[in-house]
Amino acid sequence: MEMEQGVNGVIEFINSCKIYARNNYNKTQLTRLVIESKRLSLYHGTKKVYSYTLPDSLRIHIENDSSVTISLDINGNTSLGRTINLYNLKGKREPITIKVGTDYVSKKK
């Protein structure tokens, strides 16, 4: 149950960040999504706009880094596709994918 809520929360948060980037684009201030093991945050310039904290039983695994930063353009899109791996305490993995080109965010099947 918590895994399902966590996956849905991450997808909803990323989609909300994309909408924010489209509606608040500013050439002088970069809009970016920062993903850490327990939290996702949206920054506009240096200001943190939103954040989403995962439930205690879930974490995001990030290879070789403590965080990942994804820049969002004027349309709320990214330049790279990415898979975000969400894990529960038992080690069950649920991949969430940001697709290249469309930037469609979904639970990987």
PDB file of N, CA and C in Angstrom:
ATOM      1  N   MET A   1       0.820  -1.194   0.000  1.00  0.00           N
ATOM      2  CA  MET A   1       0.000   0.000   0.000  1.00  0.00           C
ATOM      3  C   MET A   1       0.868   1.264   0.000  1.00  0.00           C
ATOM      4  N   GLU A   2       1.880   1.315   0.889  1.00  0.00           N
ATOM      5  CA  GLU A   2       2.749   2.491   0.917  1.00  0.00           C
ATOM      6  C   GLU A   2       3.542   2.633  -0.373  1.00  0.00           C
ATOM      7  N   MET A   3       3.943   1.510  -0.963  1.00  0.00           N
ATOM      8  CA  MET A   3       4.687   1.565  -2.225  1.00  0.00           C
ATOM      9  C   MET A   3       3.820   2.214  -3.300  1.00  0.00           C
ATOM     10  N   GLU A   4       2.576   1.785  -3.392  1.00  0.00           N
ATOM     11  CA  GLU A   4       1.651   2.351  -4.386  1.00  0.00           C
ATOM     12  C   GLU A   4       1.464   3.851  -4.164  1.00  0.00           C
ATOM     13  N   GLN A   5       1.291   4.250  -2.907  1.00  0.00           N
ATOM     14  CA  GLN A   5       1.137   5.667  -2.585  1.00  0.00           C
ATOM     15  C   GLN A   5       2.408   6.444  -2.912  1.00  0.00           C
ATOM     16  N   GLY A   6       3.563   5.853  -2.627  1.00  0.00           N
ATOM     17  CA  GLY A   6       4.834   6.504  -2.929  1.00  0.00           C
ATOM     18  C   GLY A   6       5.039   6.693  -4.419  1.00  0.00           C
ATOM     19  N   VAL A   7       4.761   5.657  -5.197  1.00  0.00           N
ATOM     20  CA  VAL A   7       4.897   5.731  -6.660  1.00  0.00           C
ATOM     21  C   VAL A   7       3.969   6.812  -7.203  1.00  0.00           C
ATOM     22  N   ASN A   8       2.707   6.791  -6.782  1.00  0.00           N
ATOM     23  CA  ASN A   8       1.747   7.794  -7.249  1.00  0.00           C
ATOM     24  C   ASN A   8       2.153   9.199  -6.820  1.00  0.00           C
ATOM     25  N   GLY A   9       2.682   9.327  -5.601  1.00  0.00           N
ATOM     26  CA  GLY A   9       3.133  10.627  -5.110  1.00  0.00           C
ATOM     27  C   GLY A   9       4.291  11.179  -5.920  1.00  0.00           C
ATOM     28  N   VAL A  10       5.256  10.328  -6.260  1.00  0.00           N
ATOM     29  CA  VAL A  10       6.405  10.753  -7.064  1.00  0.00           C
ATOM     30  C   VAL A  10       5.941  11.175  -8.458  1.00  0.00           C
ATOM     31  N   ILE A  11       5.087  10.380  -9.085  1.00  0.00           N
ATOM     32  CA  ILE A  11       4.588  10.709 -10.426  1.00  0.00           C
ATOM     33  C   ILE A  11       3.820  12.033 -10.402  1.00  0.00           C
ATOM     34  N   GLU A  12       2.938  12.192  -9.434  1.00  0.00           N
ATOM     35  CA  GLU A  12       2.158  13.425  -9.324  1.00  0.00           C
ATOM     36  C   GLU A  12       3.068  14.626  -9.078  1.00  0.00           C
ATOM     37  N   PHE A  13       4.082  14.461  -8.223  1.00  0.00           N
ATOM     38  CA  PHE A  13       4.996  15.568  -7.933  1.00  0.00           C
ATOM     39  C   PHE A  13       5.767  15.980  -9.183  1.00  0.00           C
ATOM     40  N   ILE A  14       6.308  15.017  -9.919  1.00  0.00           N
ATOM     41  CA  ILE A  14       7.064  15.339 -11.140  1.00  0.00           C
ATOM     42  C   ILE A  14       6.162  16.035 -12.158  1.00  0.00           C
ATOM     43  N   ASN A  15       4.949  15.551 -12.334  1.00  0.00           N
ATOM     44  CA  ASN A  15       4.019  16.200 -13.264  1.00  0.00           C
ATOM     45  C   ASN A  15       3.678  17.620 -12.814  1.00  0.00           C
ATOM     46  N   SER A  16       3.522  17.838 -11.515  1.00  0.00           N
ATOM     47  CA  SER A  16       3.267  19.186 -10.991  1.00  0.00           C
ATOM     48  C   SER A  16       4.457  20.104 -11.243  1.00  0.00           C
ATOM     49  N   CYS A  17       5.668  19.564 -11.129  1.00  0.00           N
ATOM     50  CA  CYS A  17       6.882  20.347 -11.399  1.00  0.00           C
ATOM     51  C   CYS A  17       6.932  20.776 -12.859  1.00  0.00           C
ATOM     52  N   LYS A  18       6.549  19.889 -13.752  1.00  0.00           N
ATOM     53  CA  LYS A  18       6.532  20.215 -15.180  1.00  0.00           C
ATOM     54  C   LYS A  18       5.540  21.344 -15.467  1.00  0.00           C
ATOM     55  N   ILE A  19       4.376  21.297 -14.841  1.00  0.00           N
ATOM     56  CA  ILE A  19       3.374  22.351 -15.015  1.00  0.00           C
ATOM     57  C   ILE A  19       3.899  23.670 -14.456  1.00  0.00           C
ATOM     58  N   TYR A  20       4.510  23.615 -13.285  1.00  0.00           N
ATOM     59  CA  TYR A  20       5.083  24.831 -12.694  1.00  0.00           C
ATOM     60  C   TYR A  20       6.111  25.450 -13.638  1.00  0.00           C
ATOM     61  N   ALA A  21       6.990  24.629 -14.200  1.00  0.00           N
ATOM     62  CA  ALA A  21       8.025  25.133 -15.105  1.00  0.00           C
ATOM     63  C   ALA A  21       7.408  25.812 -16.327  1.00  0.00           C
ATOM     64  N   ARG A  22       6.357  25.235 -16.881  1.00  0.00           N
ATOM     65  CA  ARG A  22       5.672  25.838 -18.039  1.00  0.00           C
ATOM     66  C   ARG A  22       5.049  27.186 -17.684  1.00  0.00           C
ATOM     67  N   ASN A  23       4.438  27.256 -16.516  1.00  0.00           N
ATOM     68  CA  ASN A  23       3.707  28.464 -16.121  1.00  0.00           C
ATOM     69  C   ASN A  23       4.586  29.563 -15.543  1.00  0.00           C
ATOM     70  N   ASN A  24       5.812  29.237 -15.147  1.00  0.00           N
ATOM     71  CA  ASN A  24       6.666  30.206 -14.459  1.00  0.00           C
ATOM     72  C   ASN A  24       8.038  30.338 -15.088  1.00  0.00           C
ATOM     73  N   TYR A  25       8.152  30.072 -16.376  1.00  0.00           N
ATOM     74  CA  TYR A  25       9.456  30.117 -17.042  1.00  0.00           C
ATOM     75  C   TYR A  25      10.052  31.518 -16.963  1.00  0.00           C
ATOM     76  N   ASN A  26      11.354  31.557 -16.697  1.00  0.00           N
ATOM     77  CA  ASN A  26      12.101  32.808 -16.628  1.00  0.00           C
ATOM     78  C   ASN A  26      13.496  32.516 -17.167  1.00  0.00           C
ATOM     79  N   LYS A  27      13.908  33.222 -18.216  1.00  0.00           N
ATOM     80  CA  LYS A  27      15.209  32.955 -18.852  1.00  0.00           C
ATOM     81  C   LYS A  27      16.377  33.070 -17.880  1.00  0.00           C
ATOM     82  N   THR A  28      16.238  33.908 -16.866  1.00  0.00           N
ATOM     83  CA  THR A  28      17.362  34.145 -15.959  1.00  0.00           C
ATOM     84  C   THR A  28      17.381  33.211 -14.755  1.00  0.00           C
ATOM     85  N   GLN A  29      16.323  32.432 -14.560  1.00  0.00           N
ATOM     86  CA  GLN A  29      16.274  31.523 -13.412  1.00  0.00           C
ATOM     87  C   GLN A  29      15.951  30.106 -13.867  1.00  0.00           C
ATOM     88  N   LEU A  30      16.879  29.213 -13.637  1.00  0.00           N
ATOM     89  CA  LEU A  30      16.724  27.814 -14.012  1.00  0.00           C
ATOM     90  C   LEU A  30      15.689  27.139 -13.115  1.00  0.00           C
ATOM     91  N   THR A  31      14.812  26.356 -13.708  1.00  0.00           N
ATOM     92  CA  THR A  31      13.870  25.533 -12.947  1.00  0.00           C
ATOM     93  C   THR A  31      14.404  24.113 -12.979  1.00  0.00           C
ATOM     94  N   ARG A  32      14.563  23.522 -11.787  1.00  0.00           N
ATOM     95  CA  ARG A  32      15.150  22.186 -11.743  1.00  0.00           C
ATOM     96  C   ARG A  32      14.509  21.335 -10.655  1.00  0.00           C
ATOM     97  N   LEU A  33      14.504  20.049 -10.917  1.00  0.00           N
ATOM     98  CA  LEU A  33      14.004  19.045  -9.995  1.00  0.00           C
ATOM     99  C   LEU A  33      15.216  18.344  -9.397  1.00  0.00           C
ATOM    100  N   VAL A  34      15.311  18.335  -8.071  1.00  0.00           N
ATOM    101  CA  VAL A  34      16.413  17.670  -7.381  1.00  0.00           C
ATOM    102  C   VAL A  34      15.850  16.433  -6.686  1.00  0.00           C
ATOM    103  N   ILE A  35      16.436  15.280  -6.998  1.00  0.00           N
ATOM    104  CA  ILE A  35      15.975  14.007  -6.445  1.00  0.00           C
ATOM    105  C   ILE A  35      17.033  13.475  -5.492  1.00  0.00           C
ATOM    106  N   GLU A  36      16.636  13.257  -4.241  1.00  0.00           N
ATOM    107  CA  GLU A  36      17.505  12.672  -3.219  1.00  0.00           C
ATOM    108  C   GLU A  36      16.872  11.359  -2.765  1.00  0.00           C
ATOM    109  N   SER A  37      17.529  10.662  -1.862  1.00  0.00           N
ATOM    110  CA  SER A  37      17.039   9.336  -1.483  1.00  0.00           C
ATOM    111  C   SER A  37      15.682   9.362  -0.783  1.00  0.00           C
ATOM    112  N   LYS A  38      15.348  10.422  -0.076  1.00  0.00           N
ATOM    113  CA  LYS A  38      14.076  10.488   0.647  1.00  0.00           C
ATOM    114  C   LYS A  38      13.181  11.650   0.218  1.00  0.00           C
ATOM    115  N   ARG A  39      13.681  12.518  -0.672  1.00  0.00           N
ATOM    116  CA  ARG A  39      12.925  13.726  -1.002  1.00  0.00           C
ATOM    117  C   ARG A  39      13.138  14.157  -2.441  1.00  0.00           C
ATOM    118  N   LEU A  40      12.091  14.722  -3.020  1.00  0.00           N
ATOM    119  CA  LEU A  40      12.167  15.378  -4.324  1.00  0.00           C
ATOM    120  C   LEU A  40      11.843  16.847  -4.079  1.00  0.00           C
ATOM    121  N   SER A  41      12.619  17.749  -4.685  1.00  0.00           N
ATOM    122  CA  SER A  41      12.402  19.179  -4.491  1.00  0.00           C
ATOM    123  C   SER A  41      12.433  19.896  -5.825  1.00  0.00           C
ATOM    124  N   LEU A  42      11.598  20.923  -5.955  1.00  0.00           N
ATOM    125  CA  LEU A  42      11.591  21.777  -7.138  1.00  0.00           C
ATOM    126  C   LEU A  42      12.190  23.121  -6.755  1.00  0.00           C
ATOM    127  N   TYR A  43      13.165  23.566  -7.533  1.00  0.00           N
ATOM    128  CA  TYR A  43      13.800  24.865  -7.321  1.00  0.00           C
ATOM    129  C   TYR A  43      13.563  25.745  -8.532  1.00  0.00           C
ATOM    130  N   HIS A  44      13.318  27.025  -8.275  1.00  0.00           N
ATOM    131  CA  HIS A  44      13.241  28.039  -9.325  1.00  0.00           C
ATOM    132  C   HIS A  44      14.307  29.064  -8.962  1.00  0.00           C
ATOM    133  N   GLY A  45      15.408  29.063  -9.713  1.00  0.00           N
ATOM    134  CA  GLY A  45      16.579  29.822  -9.297  1.00  0.00           C
ATOM    135  C   GLY A  45      17.130  29.163  -8.042  1.00  0.00           C
ATOM    136  N   THR A  46      17.325  29.947  -6.989  1.00  0.00           N
ATOM    137  CA  THR A  46      17.831  29.386  -5.729  1.00  0.00           C
ATOM    138  C   THR A  46      16.712  29.105  -4.727  1.00  0.00           C
ATOM    139  N   LYS A  47      15.484  29.457  -5.078  1.00  0.00           N
ATOM    140  CA  LYS A  47      14.350  29.296  -4.166  1.00  0.00           C
ATOM    141  C   LYS A  47      13.719  27.915  -4.308  1.00  0.00           C
ATOM    142  N   LYS A  48      13.556  27.234  -3.160  1.00  0.00           N
ATOM    143  CA  LYS A  48      12.828  25.962  -3.166  1.00  0.00           C
ATOM    144  C   LYS A  48      11.339  26.278  -3.223  1.00  0.00           C
ATOM    145  N   VAL A  49      10.668  25.749  -4.242  1.00  0.00           N
ATOM    146  CA  VAL A  49       9.256  26.036  -4.472  1.00  0.00           C
ATOM    147  C   VAL A  49       8.373  24.980  -3.817  1.00  0.00           C
ATOM    148  N   TYR A  50       8.664  23.722  -4.065  1.00  0.00           N
ATOM    149  CA  TYR A  50       7.889  22.596  -3.538  1.00  0.00           C
ATOM    150  C   TYR A  50       8.848  21.487  -3.132  1.00  0.00           C
ATOM    151  N   SER A  51       8.381  20.629  -2.237  1.00  0.00           N
ATOM    152  CA  SER A  51       9.123  19.393  -1.976  1.00  0.00           C
ATOM    153  C   SER A  51       8.132  18.287  -1.630  1.00  0.00           C
ATOM    154  N   TYR A  52       8.562  17.069  -1.878  1.00  0.00           N
ATOM    155  CA  TYR A  52       7.768  15.882  -1.569  1.00  0.00           C
ATOM    156  C   TYR A  52       8.686  14.914  -0.842  1.00  0.00           C
ATOM    157  N   THR A  53       8.301  14.526   0.364  1.00  0.00           N
ATOM    158  CA  THR A  53       9.087  13.588   1.157  1.00  0.00           C
ATOM    159  C   THR A  53       8.418  12.220   1.111  1.00  0.00           C
ATOM    160  N   LEU A  54       9.219  11.212   0.840  1.00  0.00           N
ATOM    161  CA  LEU A  54       8.712   9.841   0.785  1.00  0.00           C
ATOM    162  C   LEU A  54       8.365   9.337   2.182  1.00  0.00           C
ATOM    163  N   PRO A  55       7.435   8.385   2.280  1.00  0.00           N
ATOM    164  CA  PRO A  55       7.179   7.735   3.565  1.00  0.00           C
ATOM    165  C   PRO A  55       8.464   7.071   4.081  1.00  0.00           C
ATOM    166  N   ASP A  56       8.570   6.886   5.401  1.00  0.00           N
ATOM    167  CA  ASP A  56       9.778   6.317   6.016  1.00  0.00           C
ATOM    168  C   ASP A  56      10.168   4.965   5.447  1.00  0.00           C
ATOM    169  N   SER A  57       9.203   4.195   4.976  1.00  0.00           N
ATOM    170  CA  SER A  57       9.489   2.840   4.493  1.00  0.00           C
ATOM    171  C   SER A  57       9.991   2.802   3.048  1.00  0.00           C
ATOM    172  N   LEU A  58      10.113   3.959   2.389  1.00  0.00           N
ATOM    173  CA  LEU A  58      10.532   3.999   0.986  1.00  0.00           C
ATOM    174  C   LEU A  58      11.763   4.874   0.804  1.00  0.00           C
ATOM    175  N   ARG A  59      12.522   4.564  -0.251  1.00  0.00           N
ATOM    176  CA  ARG A  59      13.682   5.388  -0.603  1.00  0.00           C
ATOM    177  C   ARG A  59      13.920   5.280  -2.097  1.00  0.00           C
ATOM    178  N   ILE A  60      14.626   6.274  -2.624  1.00  0.00           N
ATOM    179  CA  ILE A  60      15.036   6.262  -4.021  1.00  0.00           C
ATOM    180  C   ILE A  60      16.510   5.908  -4.051  1.00  0.00           C
ATOM    181  N   HIS A  61      16.864   4.942  -4.883  1.00  0.00           N
ATOM    182  CA  HIS A  61      18.269   4.565  -5.033  1.00  0.00           C
ATOM    183  C   HIS A  61      18.865   5.363  -6.186  1.00  0.00           C
ATOM    184  N   ILE A  62      19.962   6.059  -5.898  1.00  0.00           N
ATOM    185  CA  ILE A  62      20.654   6.859  -6.900  1.00  0.00           C
ATOM    186  C   ILE A  62      22.069   6.315  -7.027  1.00  0.00           C
ATOM    187  N   GLU A  63      22.411   5.841  -8.206  1.00  0.00           N
ATOM    188  CA  GLU A  63      23.742   5.271  -8.453  1.00  0.00           C
ATOM    189  C   GLU A  63      24.829   6.333  -8.315  1.00  0.00           C
ATOM    190  N   ASN A  64      25.834   6.086  -7.499  1.00  0.00           N
ATOM    191  CA  ASN A  64      27.068   6.865  -7.409  1.00  0.00           C
ATOM    192  C   ASN A  64      26.916   8.325  -7.006  1.00  0.00           C
ATOM    193  N   ASP A  65      25.764   8.766  -6.563  1.00  0.00           N
ATOM    194  CA  ASP A  65      25.567  10.162  -6.174  1.00  0.00           C
ATOM    195  C   ASP A  65      24.609  10.244  -5.001  1.00  0.00           C
ATOM    196  N   SER A  66      24.651  11.390  -4.300  1.00  0.00           N
ATOM    197  CA  SER A  66      23.691  11.600  -3.222  1.00  0.00           C
ATOM    198  C   SER A  66      22.404  12.223  -3.749  1.00  0.00           C
ATOM    199  N   SER A  67      22.483  12.813  -4.958  1.00  0.00           N
ATOM    200  CA  SER A  67      21.285  13.399  -5.561  1.00  0.00           C
ATOM    201  C   SER A  67      21.447  13.490  -7.074  1.00  0.00           C
ATOM    202  N   VAL A  68      20.329  13.717  -7.748  1.00  0.00           N
ATOM    203  CA  VAL A  68      20.300  13.911  -9.197  1.00  0.00           C
ATOM    204  C   VAL A  68      19.525  15.197  -9.451  1.00  0.00           C
ATOM    205  N   THR A  69      20.035  16.030 -10.346  1.00  0.00           N
ATOM    206  CA  THR A  69      19.346  17.264 -10.715  1.00  0.00           C
ATOM    207  C   THR A  69      18.878  17.165 -12.162  1.00  0.00           C
ATOM    208  N   ILE A  70      17.604  17.467 -12.381  1.00  0.00           N
ATOM    209  CA  ILE A  70      17.008  17.431 -13.715  1.00  0.00           C
ATOM    210  C   ILE A  70      16.501  18.833 -14.036  1.00  0.00           C
ATOM    211  N   SER A  71      17.042  19.444 -15.077  1.00  0.00           N
ATOM    212  CA  SER A  71      16.593  20.773 -15.503  1.00  0.00           C
ATOM    213  C   SER A  71      15.304  20.657 -16.305  1.00  0.00           C
ATOM    214  N   LEU A  72      14.416  21.628 -16.109  1.00  0.00           N
ATOM    215  CA  LEU A  72      13.147  21.680 -16.833  1.00  0.00           C
ATOM    216  C   LEU A  72      13.149  22.909 -17.732  1.00  0.00           C
ATOM    217  N   ASP A  73      12.776  22.739 -18.996  1.00  0.00           N
ATOM    218  CA  ASP A  73      12.799  23.853 -19.944  1.00  0.00           C
ATOM    219  C   ASP A  73      11.478  24.630 -19.934  1.00  0.00           C
ATOM    220  N   ILE A  74      11.336  25.539 -20.884  1.00  0.00           N
ATOM    221  CA  ILE A  74      10.160  26.407 -20.981  1.00  0.00           C
ATOM    222  C   ILE A  74       8.850  25.619 -21.101  1.00  0.00           C
ATOM    223  N   ASN A  75       8.924  24.418 -21.641  1.00  0.00           N
ATOM    224  CA  ASN A  75       7.740  23.564 -21.788  1.00  0.00           C
ATOM    225  C   ASN A  75       7.579  22.560 -20.655  1.00  0.00           C
ATOM    226  N   GLY A  76       8.468  22.625 -19.656  1.00  0.00           N
ATOM    227  CA  GLY A  76       8.421  21.674 -18.554  1.00  0.00           C
ATOM    228  C   GLY A  76       9.030  20.334 -18.905  1.00  0.00           C
ATOM    229  N   ASN A  77       9.784  20.282 -20.008  1.00  0.00           N
ATOM    230  CA  ASN A  77      10.396  19.033 -20.463  1.00  0.00           C
ATOM    231  C   ASN A  77      11.848  18.941 -20.022  1.00  0.00           C
ATOM    232  N   THR A  78      12.378  17.731 -20.041  1.00  0.00           N
ATOM    233  CA  THR A  78      13.783  17.493 -19.728  1.00  0.00           C
ATOM    234  C   THR A  78      14.509  17.116 -21.013  1.00  0.00           C
ATOM    235  N   SER A  79      15.819  17.189 -20.972  1.00  0.00           N
ATOM    236  CA  SER A  79      16.583  16.823 -22.171  1.00  0.00           C
ATOM    237  C   SER A  79      16.949  15.341 -22.172  1.00  0.00           C
ATOM    238  N   LEU A  80      16.705  14.666 -21.056  1.00  0.00           N
ATOM    239  CA  LEU A  80      17.064  13.249 -20.937  1.00  0.00           C
ATOM    240  C   LEU A  80      15.906  12.441 -20.375  1.00  0.00           C
ATOM    241  N   GLY A  81      15.774  11.214 -20.835  1.00  0.00           N
ATOM    242  CA  GLY A  81      14.866  10.281 -20.195  1.00  0.00           C
ATOM    243  C   GLY A  81      15.565   9.724 -18.957  1.00  0.00           C
ATOM    244  N   ARG A  82      14.806   9.229 -18.025  1.00  0.00           N
ATOM    245  CA  ARG A  82      15.413   8.729 -16.795  1.00  0.00           C
ATOM    246  C   ARG A  82      14.478   7.735 -16.131  1.00  0.00           C
ATOM    247  N   THR A  83      15.067   6.768 -15.433  1.00  0.00           N
ATOM    248  CA  THR A  83      14.298   5.854 -14.597  1.00  0.00           C
ATOM    249  C   THR A  83      14.676   6.108 -13.149  1.00  0.00           C
ATOM    250  N   ILE A  84      13.670   6.288 -12.315  1.00  0.00           N
ATOM    251  CA  ILE A  84      13.855   6.505 -10.883  1.00  0.00           C
ATOM    252  C   ILE A  84      13.424   5.213 -10.198  1.00  0.00           C
ATOM    253  N   ASN A  85      14.335   4.618  -9.440  1.00  0.00           N
ATOM    254  CA  ASN A  85      14.032   3.351  -8.767  1.00  0.00           C
ATOM    255  C   ASN A  85      13.645   3.597  -7.318  1.00  0.00           C
ATOM    256  N   LEU A  86      12.415   3.245  -6.990  1.00  0.00           N
ATOM    257  CA  LEU A  86      11.880   3.394  -5.650  1.00  0.00           C
ATOM    258  C   LEU A  86      11.914   2.025  -4.974  1.00  0.00           C
ATOM    259  N   TYR A  87      12.427   1.970  -3.740  1.00  0.00           N
ATOM    260  CA  TYR A  87      12.555   0.705  -3.000  1.00  0.00           C
ATOM    261  C   TYR A  87      11.829   0.794  -1.668  1.00  0.00           C
ATOM    262  N   ASN A  88      11.286  -0.357  -1.224  1.00  0.00           N
ATOM    263  CA  ASN A  88      10.739  -0.428   0.124  1.00  0.00           C
ATOM    264  C   ASN A  88      11.769  -1.103   1.033  1.00  0.00           C
ATOM    265  N   LEU A  89      11.430  -1.277   2.311  1.00  0.00           N
ATOM    266  CA  LEU A  89      12.367  -1.847   3.285  1.00  0.00           C
ATOM    267  C   LEU A  89      12.737  -3.294   2.978  1.00  0.00           C
ATOM    268  N   LYS A  90      11.881  -4.007   2.255  1.00  0.00           N
ATOM    269  CA  LYS A  90      12.154  -5.399   1.901  1.00  0.00           C
ATOM    270  C   LYS A  90      12.972  -5.519   0.621  1.00  0.00           C
ATOM    271  N   GLY A  91      13.289  -4.393  -0.008  1.00  0.00           N
ATOM    272  CA  GLY A  91      14.087  -4.409  -1.229  1.00  0.00           C
ATOM    273  C   GLY A  91      13.287  -4.511  -2.510  1.00  0.00           C
ATOM    274  N   LYS A  92      11.957  -4.470  -2.407  1.00  0.00           N
ATOM    275  CA  LYS A  92      11.128  -4.502  -3.620  1.00  0.00           C
ATOM    276  C   LYS A  92      11.327  -3.198  -4.384  1.00  0.00           C
ATOM    277  N   ARG A  93      11.539  -3.324  -5.693  1.00  0.00           N
ATOM    278  CA  ARG A  93      11.806  -2.164  -6.545  1.00  0.00           C
ATOM    279  C   ARG A  93      10.608  -1.854  -7.421  1.00  0.00           C
ATOM    280  N   GLU A  94      10.305  -0.568  -7.535  1.00  0.00           N
ATOM    281  CA  GLU A  94       9.288  -0.075  -8.476  1.00  0.00           C
ATOM    282  C   GLU A  94       9.937   1.030  -9.300  1.00  0.00           C
ATOM    283  N   PRO A  95      10.210   0.787 -10.580  1.00  0.00           N
ATOM    284  CA  PRO A  95      10.804   1.823 -11.423  1.00  0.00           C
ATOM    285  C   PRO A  95       9.752   2.803 -11.947  1.00  0.00           C
ATOM    286  N   ILE A  96      10.109   4.080 -11.912  1.00  0.00           N
ATOM    287  CA  ILE A  96       9.282   5.150 -12.467  1.00  0.00           C
ATOM    288  C   ILE A  96      10.089   5.754 -13.610  1.00  0.00           C
ATOM    289  N   THR A  97       9.477   5.874 -14.779  1.00  0.00           N
ATOM    290  CA  THR A  97      10.200   6.298 -15.973  1.00  0.00           C
ATOM    291  C   THR A  97       9.725   7.661 -16.459  1.00  0.00           C
ATOM    292  N   ILE A  98      10.706   8.515 -16.804  1.00  0.00           N
ATOM    293  CA  ILE A  98      10.436   9.754 -17.534  1.00  0.00           C
ATOM    294  C   ILE A  98      10.885   9.461 -18.954  1.00  0.00           C
ATOM    295  N   LYS A  99       9.945   9.404 -19.875  1.00  0.00           N
ATOM    296  CA  LYS A  99      10.249   8.973 -21.245  1.00  0.00           C
ATOM    297  C   LYS A  99      10.895  10.090 -22.064  1.00  0.00           C
ATOM    298  N   VAL A 100      11.838   9.703 -22.910  1.00  0.00           N
ATOM    299  CA  VAL A 100      12.534  10.632 -23.792  1.00  0.00           C
ATOM    300  C   VAL A 100      11.547  11.199 -24.813  1.00  0.00           C
ATOM    301  N   GLY A 101      11.669  12.471 -25.108  1.00  0.00           N
ATOM    302  CA  GLY A 101      10.827  13.101 -26.133  1.00  0.00           C
ATOM    303  C   GLY A 101       9.497  13.583 -25.606  1.00  0.00           C
ATOM    304  N   THR A 102       8.689  12.682 -25.062  1.00  0.00           N
ATOM    305  CA  THR A 102       7.363  13.068 -24.569  1.00  0.00           C
ATOM    306  C   THR A 102       7.411  13.529 -23.119  1.00  0.00           C
ATOM    307  N   ASP A 103       8.436  13.109 -22.367  1.00  0.00           N
ATOM    308  CA  ASP A 103       8.556  13.385 -20.933  1.00  0.00           C
ATOM    309  C   ASP A 103       7.373  12.835 -20.146  1.00  0.00           C
ATOM    310  N   TYR A 104       6.699  11.828 -20.702  1.00  0.00           N
ATOM    311  CA  TYR A 104       5.595  11.174 -20.021  1.00  0.00           C
ATOM    312  C   TYR A 104       6.153  10.434 -18.809  1.00  0.00           C
ATOM    313  N   VAL A 105       5.555  10.634 -17.637  1.00  0.00           N
ATOM    314  CA  VAL A 105       6.021  10.014 -16.393  1.00  0.00           C
ATOM    315  C   VAL A 105       5.064   8.887 -16.039  1.00  0.00           C
ATOM    316  N   SER A 106       5.611   7.680 -15.830  1.00  0.00           N
ATOM    317  CA  SER A 106       4.744   6.546 -15.510  1.00  0.00           C
ATOM    318  C   SER A 106       5.503   5.480 -14.735  1.00  0.00           C
ATOM    319  N   LYS A 107       4.726   4.623 -14.095  1.00  0.00           N
ATOM    320  CA  LYS A 107       5.275   3.437 -13.450  1.00  0.00           C
ATOM    321  C   LYS A 107       5.676   2.489 -14.568  1.00  0.00           C
ATOM    322  N   LYS A 108       6.914   2.029 -14.532  1.00  0.00           N
ATOM    323  CA  LYS A 108       7.394   1.124 -15.580  1.00  0.00           C
ATOM    324  C   LYS A 108       6.732  -0.233 -15.400  1.00  0.00           C
ATOM    325  N   LYS A 109       6.284  -0.811 -16.510  1.00  0.00           N
ATOM    326  CA  LYS A 109       5.596  -2.108 -16.441  1.00  0.00           C
ATOM    327  C   LYS A 109       6.483  -3.216 -16.905  1.00  0.00           C
TER     328      LYS A 109
END
